[in-house]
Protein backbone atom coordinates (compact mmCIF):
# COMPACT_ATOMS: atom_id res chain seq x y z
CA UNK A 1 35.87 6.27 27.96
CA UNK A 2 34.14 8.70 25.71
CA UNK A 3 36.35 7.55 22.80
CA UNK A 4 35.48 3.87 23.37
CA UNK A 5 31.77 4.69 23.43
CA UNK A 6 32.15 6.66 20.19
CA UNK A 7 33.85 3.76 18.50
CA UNK A 8 31.12 1.35 19.64
CA UNK A 9 28.47 3.61 18.37
CA UNK A 10 30.09 3.97 14.93
CA UNK A 11 30.61 0.28 14.77
CA UNK A 12 27.04 -0.55 15.45
CA UNK A 13 25.85 2.20 13.15
CA UNK A 14 28.10 0.88 10.35
CA UNK A 15 26.73 -2.60 10.86
CA UNK A 16 23.12 -1.30 10.61
CA UNK A 17 23.79 0.68 7.39
CA UNK A 18 25.70 -2.34 5.91
CA UNK A 19 22.74 -4.52 6.58
CA UNK A 20 20.29 -2.11 5.21
CA UNK A 21 22.33 -1.51 2.07
CA UNK A 22 22.75 -5.16 1.39
CA UNK A 23 19.01 -5.71 1.68
CA UNK A 24 18.23 -2.82 -0.64
CA UNK A 25 20.79 -3.63 -3.30
CA UNK A 26 20.46 -7.40 -2.96
CA UNK A 27 17.63 -8.86 -5.00
CA UNK A 28 15.31 -6.53 -6.74
CA UNK A 29 11.60 -6.82 -6.36
CA UNK A 30 9.79 -8.40 -9.41
CA UNK A 31 7.71 -5.88 -11.33
CA UNK A 32 4.42 -6.91 -9.69
CA UNK A 33 5.67 -6.38 -6.22
CA UNK A 34 7.46 -3.13 -7.20
CA UNK A 35 4.24 -1.64 -8.68
CA UNK A 36 2.15 -2.61 -5.77
CA UNK A 37 4.65 -1.17 -3.30
CA UNK A 38 4.75 2.09 -5.27
CA UNK A 39 0.99 2.31 -4.86
CA UNK A 40 1.40 1.78 -1.20
CA UNK A 41 4.04 4.60 -0.78
CA UNK A 42 1.90 6.99 -2.89
CA UNK A 43 -1.26 6.56 -0.85
CA UNK A 44 0.57 6.65 2.43
CA UNK A 45 2.09 9.98 1.38
CA UNK A 46 -1.43 11.24 0.45
CA UNK A 47 -2.83 10.31 3.89
CA UNK A 48 0.10 12.17 5.54
CA UNK A 49 -0.56 15.14 3.34
CA UNK A 50 -4.33 15.02 4.18
CA UNK A 51 -3.45 15.36 7.96
CA UNK A 52 -1.99 18.84 7.18
CA UNK A 53 -4.96 20.22 5.21
CA UNK A 54 -7.50 22.61 6.72
CA UNK A 55 -9.44 23.64 3.56
CA UNK A 56 -12.52 21.53 2.91
CA UNK A 57 -12.18 21.87 -0.85
CA UNK A 58 -8.57 20.62 -0.68
CA UNK A 59 -9.55 17.82 1.66
CA UNK A 60 -12.21 16.53 -0.78
CA UNK A 61 -9.96 16.80 -3.77
CA UNK A 62 -7.23 14.82 -2.01
CA UNK A 63 -9.63 12.23 -0.58
CA UNK A 64 -11.08 11.64 -4.05
CA UNK A 65 -7.62 10.97 -5.30
CA UNK A 66 -6.97 8.50 -2.37
CA UNK A 67 -10.24 6.81 -2.99
CA UNK A 68 -9.64 6.38 -6.69
CA UNK A 69 -6.13 4.97 -6.02
CA UNK A 70 -7.45 2.57 -3.38
CA UNK A 71 -10.43 1.25 -5.52
CA UNK A 72 -7.99 0.63 -8.42
CA UNK A 73 -5.37 -0.88 -6.19
CA UNK A 74 -7.74 -3.26 -4.42
CA UNK A 75 -9.33 -4.24 -7.72
CA UNK A 76 -5.98 -5.22 -9.32
CA UNK A 77 -4.91 -7.18 -6.27
CA UNK A 78 -8.29 -9.02 -6.13
CA UNK A 79 -8.46 -9.62 -9.83
CA UNK A 80 -4.89 -10.68 -10.52
CA UNK A 81 -2.43 -11.02 -7.61
CA UNK A 82 -4.54 -12.76 -4.99
CA UNK A 83 -6.17 -15.45 -7.15
CA UNK A 84 -2.95 -16.23 -8.87
CA UNK A 85 -1.03 -16.48 -5.61
CA UNK A 86 -3.63 -18.82 -4.01
CA UNK A 87 -1.59 -22.00 -3.32
CA UNK A 88 1.73 -20.15 -3.04
CA UNK A 89 0.53 -17.77 -0.33
CA UNK A 90 -1.13 -19.02 2.91
CA UNK A 91 -4.97 -19.08 2.45
CA UNK A 92 -5.59 -17.40 5.81
CA UNK A 93 -3.48 -14.49 4.75
CA UNK A 94 -5.22 -14.04 1.41
CA UNK A 95 -8.62 -14.33 3.10
CA UNK A 96 -7.73 -11.68 5.60
CA UNK A 97 -6.53 -9.42 2.80
CA UNK A 98 -9.86 -9.77 0.98
CA UNK A 99 -11.73 -8.99 4.21
CA UNK A 100 -9.47 -6.00 4.85
CA UNK A 101 -10.17 -4.72 1.34
CA UNK A 102 -13.87 -5.16 1.93
CA UNK A 103 -13.69 -3.07 5.17
CA UNK A 104 -11.76 -0.32 3.32
CA UNK A 105 -14.29 -0.26 0.49
CA UNK A 106 -17.11 0.20 2.95
CA UNK A 107 -15.33 3.00 4.72
CA UNK A 108 -14.46 4.68 1.47
CA UNK A 109 -18.25 4.55 0.46
CA UNK A 110 -19.23 6.11 3.81
CA UNK A 111 -16.75 8.91 3.43
CA UNK A 112 -17.82 9.49 -0.20
CA UNK A 113 -21.38 9.98 1.01
CA UNK A 114 -20.31 12.76 3.25
CA UNK A 115 -18.99 16.22 2.86
CA UNK A 116 -15.74 17.49 4.36
CA UNK A 117 -16.53 19.41 7.56
CA UNK A 118 -19.26 16.98 8.40
CA UNK A 119 -19.07 15.29 11.77
CA UNK A 120 -16.52 12.37 11.71
CA UNK A 121 -15.40 13.07 8.17
CA UNK A 122 -11.83 13.73 9.16
CA UNK A 123 -11.90 10.94 11.74
CA UNK A 124 -13.09 8.41 9.11
CA UNK A 125 -10.34 9.47 6.70
CA UNK A 126 -7.75 9.09 9.46
CA UNK A 127 -9.08 5.58 10.44
CA UNK A 128 -9.03 4.57 6.75
CA UNK A 129 -5.40 5.67 6.59
CA UNK A 130 -4.56 3.66 9.65
CA UNK A 131 -6.44 0.75 8.26
CA UNK A 132 -4.55 0.94 5.00
CA UNK A 133 -1.20 1.24 6.68
CA UNK A 134 -1.94 -1.85 8.72
CA UNK A 135 -2.92 -3.79 5.54
CA UNK A 136 0.23 -2.62 3.71
CA UNK A 137 2.33 -3.82 6.68
CA UNK A 138 0.66 -7.14 6.49
CA UNK A 139 1.41 -7.53 2.82
CA UNK A 140 4.91 -6.26 2.93
CA UNK A 141 6.26 -7.80 6.19
CA UNK A 142 8.68 -10.66 6.17
CA UNK A 143 6.58 -13.74 5.69
CA UNK A 144 3.67 -11.60 4.32
CA UNK A 145 1.84 -11.94 0.99
CA UNK A 146 4.61 -10.25 -1.06
CA UNK A 147 7.45 -12.35 0.58
CA UNK A 148 5.48 -15.51 -0.01
CA UNK A 149 4.71 -14.63 -3.61
CA UNK A 150 8.41 -13.74 -4.22
CA UNK A 151 9.47 -17.29 -3.28
CA UNK A 152 8.23 -18.41 -6.81
CA UNK A 153 8.68 -15.21 -8.66
CA UNK A 154 9.60 -16.09 -12.23
CA UNK A 155 6.23 -15.06 -13.50
CA UNK A 156 5.86 -11.91 -11.23
CA UNK A 157 7.43 -9.64 -13.92
CA UNK A 158 4.84 -10.73 -16.41
CA UNK A 159 2.07 -10.37 -13.84
CA UNK A 160 3.44 -6.87 -13.30
CA UNK A 161 2.76 -6.00 -16.92
CA UNK A 162 -0.77 -7.23 -16.53
CA UNK A 163 -1.27 -5.36 -13.33
CA UNK A 164 0.03 -2.14 -14.99
CA UNK A 165 -2.35 -2.50 -17.95
CA UNK A 166 -5.29 -3.26 -15.72
CA UNK A 167 -4.59 -0.38 -13.52
CA UNK A 168 -4.56 1.96 -16.49
CA UNK A 169 -7.89 0.70 -17.62
CA UNK A 170 -9.47 0.94 -14.17
CA UNK A 171 -8.07 4.53 -13.67
CA UNK A 172 -9.81 5.57 -16.83
CA UNK A 173 -13.02 3.65 -15.84
CA UNK A 174 -13.20 4.68 -12.23
CA UNK A 175 -11.88 8.18 -12.96
CA UNK A 176 -14.51 8.83 -15.60
CA UNK A 177 -17.35 7.61 -13.22
CA UNK A 178 -16.03 9.94 -10.49
CA UNK A 179 -16.61 13.05 -12.62
């Protein structure tokens, strides 16, 4: 009996890993999607790191890094990806993404006006992280913005180059104004 159970477990595990492997090695993401997903992973990691910090100076430094990344990321999506995907991606989905960006920007501004250690500072950073994770899930889920954009992806590599260039410009611009 134990042996049969073991065989069934390994069979289902092997099916799962095969499915996963096929998905990952199947079709590569076009450059635009790849770059935006990299941004998502980086910011998610920073929010996770923030949760572990206790020193106010370290919290401020990491939050400033998160805020800069989010400002740049939302800008390149709003300037390039979203307008160019209008018509290929459902309007409701794009409209919601703009509204989610707006909410995140307002929360970032509130946090920037505060000092670490102030009442609700950590709570606002945590809520921002949850908000961003929700937004990322909406963009990356099957049928989400990225999936819809990839249906007609022949120009997404070229768009990726423009996203990369604009991101570099904005990092310098926003980074300089933050100092």
